[in-house]
Amino acid sequence: MADWGPVAVAVVLFVLLSPGLLFQFPGNSRTLEFSNLETSGRSILIHTFIFFGLFALFTVVIRVHIYTD
């Protein structure tokens, strides 16, 4: 049996937290910008920490599991 829960969580979080796709924190001209399709080094660093925190929350604390046969 393969556990696809962490893979699914990682893919969804990667898409949602890609800097500049849905939102960018911190933005280039404002603190929070939506759908600007641009990024910066600070934004990549902040989004990486948010991704790691949410991924750890979903996989370790909440224990999301999707099993296949």
PDB file of N, CA and C in Angstrom:
ATOM      1  N   MET A   1       0.828  -1.180   0.000  1.00  0.00           N
ATOM      2  CA  MET A   1       0.000   0.000   0.000  1.00  0.00           C
ATOM      3  C   MET A   1       0.874   1.246   0.000  1.00  0.00           C
ATOM      4  N   ALA A   2       0.517   2.181  -0.818  1.00  0.00           N
ATOM      5  CA  ALA A   2       1.257   3.433  -0.893  1.00  0.00           C
ATOM      6  C   ALA A   2       0.439   4.543  -0.239  1.00  0.00           C
ATOM      7  N   ASP A   3       1.101   5.385   0.510  1.00  0.00           N
ATOM      8  CA  ASP A   3       0.453   6.506   1.168  1.00  0.00           C
ATOM      9  C   ASP A   3       0.662   7.751   0.307  1.00  0.00           C
ATOM     10  N   TRP A   4      -0.402   8.221  -0.334  1.00  0.00           N
ATOM     11  CA  TRP A   4      -0.333   9.372  -1.225  1.00  0.00           C
ATOM     12  C   TRP A   4      -0.739  10.668  -0.537  1.00  0.00           C
ATOM     13  N   GLY A   5      -1.044  10.633   0.747  1.00  0.00           N
ATOM     14  CA  GLY A   5      -1.456  11.836   1.469  1.00  0.00           C
ATOM     15  C   GLY A   5      -0.420  12.945   1.448  1.00  0.00           C
ATOM     16  N   PRO A   6       0.837  12.670   1.854  1.00  0.00           N
ATOM     17  CA  PRO A   6       1.847  13.732   1.819  1.00  0.00           C
ATOM     18  C   PRO A   6       2.116  14.272   0.412  1.00  0.00           C
ATOM     19  N   VAL A   7       2.024  13.405  -0.582  1.00  0.00           N
ATOM     20  CA  VAL A   7       2.247  13.857  -1.967  1.00  0.00           C
ATOM     21  C   VAL A   7       1.137  14.809  -2.398  1.00  0.00           C
ATOM     22  N   ALA A   8      -0.108  14.440  -2.107  1.00  0.00           N
ATOM     23  CA  ALA A   8      -1.244  15.288  -2.474  1.00  0.00           C
ATOM     24  C   ALA A   8      -1.187  16.626  -1.738  1.00  0.00           C
ATOM     25  N   VAL A   9      -0.864  16.595  -0.464  1.00  0.00           N
ATOM     26  CA  VAL A   9      -0.754  17.833   0.316  1.00  0.00           C
ATOM     27  C   VAL A   9       0.356  18.713  -0.247  1.00  0.00           C
ATOM     28  N   ALA A  10       1.495  18.129  -0.589  1.00  0.00           N
ATOM     29  CA  ALA A  10       2.618  18.910  -1.129  1.00  0.00           C
ATOM     30  C   ALA A  10       2.265  19.550  -2.463  1.00  0.00           C
ATOM     31  N   VAL A  11       1.589  18.820  -3.330  1.00  0.00           N
ATOM     32  CA  VAL A  11       1.228  19.370  -4.645  1.00  0.00           C
ATOM     33  C   VAL A  11       0.238  20.524  -4.496  1.00  0.00           C
ATOM     34  N   VAL A  12      -0.779  20.339  -3.669  1.00  0.00           N
ATOM     35  CA  VAL A  12      -1.781  21.394  -3.480  1.00  0.00           C
ATOM     36  C   VAL A  12      -1.154  22.628  -2.847  1.00  0.00           C
ATOM     37  N   LEU A  13      -0.341  22.442  -1.827  1.00  0.00           N
ATOM     38  CA  LEU A  13       0.311  23.587  -1.195  1.00  0.00           C
ATOM     39  C   LEU A  13       1.287  24.279  -2.136  1.00  0.00           C
ATOM     40  N   PHE A  14       1.998  23.508  -2.956  1.00  0.00           N
ATOM     41  CA  PHE A  14       2.940  24.110  -3.903  1.00  0.00           C
ATOM     42  C   PHE A  14       2.213  25.015  -4.890  1.00  0.00           C
ATOM     43  N   VAL A  15       1.077  24.548  -5.389  1.00  0.00           N
ATOM     44  CA  VAL A  15       0.313  25.362  -6.343  1.00  0.00           C
ATOM     45  C   VAL A  15      -0.271  26.594  -5.660  1.00  0.00           C
ATOM     46  N   LEU A  16      -0.843  26.415  -4.474  1.00  0.00           N
ATOM     47  CA  LEU A  16      -1.476  27.542  -3.793  1.00  0.00           C
ATOM     48  C   LEU A  16      -0.479  28.560  -3.266  1.00  0.00           C
ATOM     49  N   LEU A  17       0.715  28.110  -2.881  1.00  0.00           N
ATOM     50  CA  LEU A  17       1.685  29.015  -2.273  1.00  0.00           C
ATOM     51  C   LEU A  17       2.808  29.448  -3.208  1.00  0.00           C
ATOM     52  N   SER A  18       2.660  29.221  -4.499  1.00  0.00           N
ATOM     53  CA  SER A  18       3.658  29.725  -5.439  1.00  0.00           C
ATOM     54  C   SER A  18       3.626  31.250  -5.414  1.00  0.00           C
ATOM     55  N   PRO A  19       4.744  31.894  -5.099  1.00  0.00           N
ATOM     56  CA  PRO A  19       4.736  33.356  -4.978  1.00  0.00           C
ATOM     57  C   PRO A  19       4.313  34.024  -6.278  1.00  0.00           C
ATOM     58  N   GLY A  20       3.322  34.901  -6.192  1.00  0.00           N
ATOM     59  CA  GLY A  20       2.859  35.653  -7.342  1.00  0.00           C
ATOM     60  C   GLY A  20       1.710  35.013  -8.077  1.00  0.00           C
ATOM     61  N   LEU A  21       1.427  33.743  -7.858  1.00  0.00           N
ATOM     62  CA  LEU A  21       0.328  33.093  -8.583  1.00  0.00           C
ATOM     63  C   LEU A  21      -1.015  33.542  -8.027  1.00  0.00           C
ATOM     64  N   LEU A  22      -1.309  33.246  -6.787  1.00  0.00           N
ATOM     65  CA  LEU A  22      -2.531  33.717  -6.148  1.00  0.00           C
ATOM     66  C   LEU A  22      -2.282  34.964  -5.316  1.00  0.00           C
ATOM     67  N   PHE A  23      -1.204  34.951  -4.554  1.00  0.00           N
ATOM     68  CA  PHE A  23      -0.846  36.112  -3.745  1.00  0.00           C
ATOM     69  C   PHE A  23       0.662  36.117  -3.551  1.00  0.00           C
ATOM     70  N   GLN A  24       1.161  37.279  -3.150  1.00  0.00           N
ATOM     71  CA  GLN A  24       2.586  37.416  -2.859  1.00  0.00           C
ATOM     72  C   GLN A  24       2.734  38.198  -1.563  1.00  0.00           C
ATOM     73  N   PHE A  25       3.435  37.595  -0.611  1.00  0.00           N
ATOM     74  CA  PHE A  25       3.686  38.239   0.675  1.00  0.00           C
ATOM     75  C   PHE A  25       5.162  38.150   0.983  1.00  0.00           C
ATOM     76  N   PRO A  26       5.913  39.158   1.172  1.00  0.00           N
ATOM     77  CA  PRO A  26       5.614  40.569   0.968  1.00  0.00           C
ATOM     78  C   PRO A  26       5.684  40.919  -0.513  1.00  0.00           C
ATOM     79  N   GLY A  27       4.839  41.834  -0.924  1.00  0.00           N
ATOM     80  CA  GLY A  27       4.793  42.251  -2.318  1.00  0.00           C
ATOM     81  C   GLY A  27       5.906  43.221  -2.660  1.00  0.00           C
ATOM     82  N   ASN A  28       5.992  43.558  -3.925  1.00  0.00           N
ATOM     83  CA  ASN A  28       7.025  44.499  -4.368  1.00  0.00           C
ATOM     84  C   ASN A  28       6.704  45.931  -3.950  1.00  0.00           C
ATOM     85  N   SER A  29       5.433  46.329  -4.037  1.00  0.00           N
ATOM     86  CA  SER A  29       5.076  47.699  -3.679  1.00  0.00           C
ATOM     87  C   SER A  29       4.178  47.775  -2.449  1.00  0.00           C
ATOM     88  N   ARG A  30       3.479  46.686  -2.127  1.00  0.00           N
ATOM     89  CA  ARG A  30       2.613  46.636  -0.946  1.00  0.00           C
ATOM     90  C   ARG A  30       2.965  45.410  -0.121  1.00  0.00           C
ATOM     91  N   THR A  31       2.375  45.331   1.062  1.00  0.00           N
ATOM     92  CA  THR A  31       2.653  44.190   1.935  1.00  0.00           C
ATOM     93  C   THR A  31       2.101  42.901   1.352  1.00  0.00           C
ATOM     94  N   LEU A  32       0.906  42.949   0.801  1.00  0.00           N
ATOM     95  CA  LEU A  32       0.259  41.778   0.223  1.00  0.00           C
ATOM     96  C   LEU A  32      -0.288  42.149  -1.137  1.00  0.00           C
ATOM     97  N   GLU A  33       0.127  41.422  -2.168  1.00  0.00           N
ATOM     98  CA  GLU A  33      -0.347  41.660  -3.520  1.00  0.00           C
ATOM     99  C   GLU A  33      -0.998  40.394  -4.047  1.00  0.00           C
ATOM    100  N   PHE A  34      -2.027  40.556  -4.857  1.00  0.00           N
ATOM    101  CA  PHE A  34      -2.754  39.419  -5.402  1.00  0.00           C
ATOM    102  C   PHE A  34      -2.538  39.320  -6.912  1.00  0.00           C
ATOM    103  N   SER A  35      -2.236  38.120  -7.391  1.00  0.00           N
ATOM    104  CA  SER A  35      -2.138  37.771  -8.815  1.00  0.00           C
ATOM    105  C   SER A  35      -1.289  38.741  -9.620  1.00  0.00           C
ATOM    106  N   ASN A  36      -0.079  39.030  -9.164  1.00  0.00           N
ATOM    107  CA  ASN A  36       0.778  39.928  -9.925  1.00  0.00           C
ATOM    108  C   ASN A  36       1.778  39.181 -10.798  1.00  0.00           C
ATOM    109  N   LEU A  37       1.911  37.863 -10.625  1.00  0.00           N
ATOM    110  CA  LEU A  37       2.795  36.999 -11.416  1.00  0.00           C
ATOM    111  C   LEU A  37       4.253  37.468 -11.398  1.00  0.00           C
ATOM    112  N   GLU A  38       4.655  38.124 -10.319  1.00  0.00           N
ATOM    113  CA  GLU A  38       6.044  38.519 -10.114  1.00  0.00           C
ATOM    114  C   GLU A  38       6.494  37.950  -8.777  1.00  0.00           C
ATOM    115  N   THR A  39       7.785  37.935  -8.536  1.00  0.00           N
ATOM    116  CA  THR A  39       8.292  37.402  -7.275  1.00  0.00           C
ATOM    117  C   THR A  39       9.583  38.102  -6.897  1.00  0.00           C
ATOM    118  N   SER A  40       9.999  37.883  -5.668  1.00  0.00           N
ATOM    119  CA  SER A  40      11.257  38.440  -5.187  1.00  0.00           C
ATOM    120  C   SER A  40      11.898  37.409  -4.267  1.00  0.00           C
ATOM    121  N   GLY A  41      13.128  37.644  -3.900  1.00  0.00           N
ATOM    122  CA  GLY A  41      13.829  36.715  -3.017  1.00  0.00           C
ATOM    123  C   GLY A  41      13.192  36.626  -1.641  1.00  0.00           C
ATOM    124  N   ARG A  42      12.781  37.773  -1.099  1.00  0.00           N
ATOM    125  CA  ARG A  42      12.108  37.762   0.207  1.00  0.00           C
ATOM    126  C   ARG A  42      10.800  36.992   0.142  1.00  0.00           C
ATOM    127  N   SER A  43      10.070  37.176  -0.939  1.00  0.00           N
ATOM    128  CA  SER A  43       8.792  36.487  -1.096  1.00  0.00           C
ATOM    129  C   SER A  43       8.992  34.975  -1.180  1.00  0.00           C
ATOM    130  N   ILE A  44      10.002  34.538  -1.900  1.00  0.00           N
ATOM    131  CA  ILE A  44      10.294  33.104  -2.000  1.00  0.00           C
ATOM    132  C   ILE A  44      10.635  32.537  -0.631  1.00  0.00           C
ATOM    133  N   LEU A  45      11.423  33.260   0.141  1.00  0.00           N
ATOM    134  CA  LEU A  45      11.800  32.803   1.479  1.00  0.00           C
ATOM    135  C   LEU A  45      10.587  32.707   2.408  1.00  0.00           C
ATOM    136  N   ILE A  46       9.738  33.717   2.414  1.00  0.00           N
ATOM    137  CA  ILE A  46       8.542  33.712   3.264  1.00  0.00           C
ATOM    138  C   ILE A  46       7.599  32.596   2.857  1.00  0.00           C
ATOM    139  N   HIS A  47       7.358  32.420   1.553  1.00  0.00           N
ATOM    140  CA  HIS A  47       6.469  31.372   1.073  1.00  0.00           C
ATOM    141  C   HIS A  47       7.045  29.979   1.378  1.00  0.00           C
ATOM    142  N   THR A  48       8.360  29.844   1.394  1.00  0.00           N
ATOM    143  CA  THR A  48       8.981  28.563   1.750  1.00  0.00           C
ATOM    144  C   THR A  48       8.706  28.213   3.206  1.00  0.00           C
ATOM    145  N   PHE A  49       8.831  29.182   4.093  1.00  0.00           N
ATOM    146  CA  PHE A  49       8.536  28.935   5.502  1.00  0.00           C
ATOM    147  C   PHE A  49       7.062  28.617   5.724  1.00  0.00           C
ATOM    148  N   ILE A  50       6.179  29.328   5.026  1.00  0.00           N
ATOM    149  CA  ILE A  50       4.744  29.042   5.137  1.00  0.00           C
ATOM    150  C   ILE A  50       4.448  27.639   4.623  1.00  0.00           C
ATOM    151  N   PHE A  51       5.052  27.258   3.484  1.00  0.00           N
ATOM    152  CA  PHE A  51       4.860  25.924   2.926  1.00  0.00           C
ATOM    153  C   PHE A  51       5.320  24.854   3.905  1.00  0.00           C
ATOM    154  N   PHE A  52       6.514  25.014   4.472  1.00  0.00           N
ATOM    155  CA  PHE A  52       7.041  24.024   5.404  1.00  0.00           C
ATOM    156  C   PHE A  52       6.150  23.896   6.635  1.00  0.00           C
ATOM    157  N   GLY A  53       5.697  25.021   7.164  1.00  0.00           N
ATOM    158  CA  GLY A  53       4.832  24.989   8.342  1.00  0.00           C
ATOM    159  C   GLY A  53       3.512  24.292   8.073  1.00  0.00           C
ATOM    160  N   LEU A  54       2.859  24.618   6.965  1.00  0.00           N
ATOM    161  CA  LEU A  54       1.582  23.977   6.639  1.00  0.00           C
ATOM    162  C   LEU A  54       1.768  22.510   6.274  1.00  0.00           C
ATOM    163  N   PHE A  55       2.853  22.176   5.570  1.00  0.00           N
ATOM    164  CA  PHE A  55       3.109  20.777   5.218  1.00  0.00           C
ATOM    165  C   PHE A  55       3.339  19.944   6.476  1.00  0.00           C
ATOM    166  N   ALA A  56       4.109  20.473   7.418  1.00  0.00           N
ATOM    167  CA  ALA A  56       4.333  19.765   8.683  1.00  0.00           C
ATOM    168  C   ALA A  56       3.034  19.628   9.462  1.00  0.00           C
ATOM    169  N   LEU A  57       2.224  20.656   9.441  1.00  0.00           N
ATOM    170  CA  LEU A  57       0.944  20.608  10.139  1.00  0.00           C
ATOM    171  C   LEU A  57       0.046  19.517   9.569  1.00  0.00           C
ATOM    172  N   PHE A  58      -0.079  19.469   8.252  1.00  0.00           N
ATOM    173  CA  PHE A  58      -0.973  18.493   7.630  1.00  0.00           C
ATOM    174  C   PHE A  58      -0.440  17.064   7.695  1.00  0.00           C
ATOM    175  N   THR A  59       0.865  16.878   7.579  1.00  0.00           N
ATOM    176  CA  THR A  59       1.388  15.515   7.527  1.00  0.00           C
ATOM    177  C   THR A  59       1.722  14.938   8.894  1.00  0.00           C
ATOM    178  N   VAL A  60       2.176  15.760   9.833  1.00  0.00           N
ATOM    179  CA  VAL A  60       2.595  15.244  11.136  1.00  0.00           C
ATOM    180  C   VAL A  60       1.484  15.396  12.171  1.00  0.00           C
ATOM    181  N   VAL A  61       0.894  16.560  12.255  1.00  0.00           N
ATOM    182  CA  VAL A  61      -0.080  16.823  13.302  1.00  0.00           C
ATOM    183  C   VAL A  61      -1.455  16.265  12.941  1.00  0.00           C
ATOM    184  N   ILE A  62      -1.946  16.597  11.751  1.00  0.00           N
ATOM    185  CA  ILE A  62      -3.287  16.160  11.348  1.00  0.00           C
ATOM    186  C   ILE A  62      -3.261  14.749  10.758  1.00  0.00           C
ATOM    187  N   ARG A  63      -2.121  14.321  10.239  1.00  0.00           N
ATOM    188  CA  ARG A  63      -1.907  12.973   9.681  1.00  0.00           C
ATOM    189  C   ARG A  63      -2.860  12.663   8.513  1.00  0.00           C
ATOM    190  N   VAL A  64      -2.737  13.434   7.455  1.00  0.00           N
ATOM    191  CA  VAL A  64      -3.524  13.200   6.246  1.00  0.00           C
ATOM    192  C   VAL A  64      -2.955  11.961   5.539  1.00  0.00           C
ATOM    193  N   HIS A  65      -3.797  10.969   5.271  1.00  0.00           N
ATOM    194  CA  HIS A  65      -3.381   9.737   4.602  1.00  0.00           C
ATOM    195  C   HIS A  65      -4.364   9.397   3.488  1.00  0.00           C
ATOM    196  N   ILE A  66      -3.829   9.047   2.342  1.00  0.00           N
ATOM    197  CA  ILE A  66      -4.611   8.550   1.221  1.00  0.00           C
ATOM    198  C   ILE A  66      -3.937   7.268   0.770  1.00  0.00           C
ATOM    199  N   TYR A  67      -4.578   6.134   0.990  1.00  0.00           N
ATOM    200  CA  TYR A  67      -3.987   4.852   0.654  1.00  0.00           C
ATOM    201  C   TYR A  67      -4.558   4.312  -0.648  1.00  0.00           C
ATOM    202  N   THR A  68      -3.690   3.665  -1.433  1.00  0.00           N
ATOM    203  CA  THR A  68      -4.122   3.002  -2.660  1.00  0.00           C
ATOM    204  C   THR A  68      -3.769   1.527  -2.564  1.00  0.00           C
ATOM    205  N   ASP A  69      -4.501   0.724  -3.273  1.00  0.00           N
ATOM    206  CA  ASP A  69      -4.227  -0.716  -3.260  1.00  0.00           C
ATOM    207  C   ASP A  69      -3.312  -1.126  -4.372  1.00  0.00           C
TER     208      ASP A  69
END
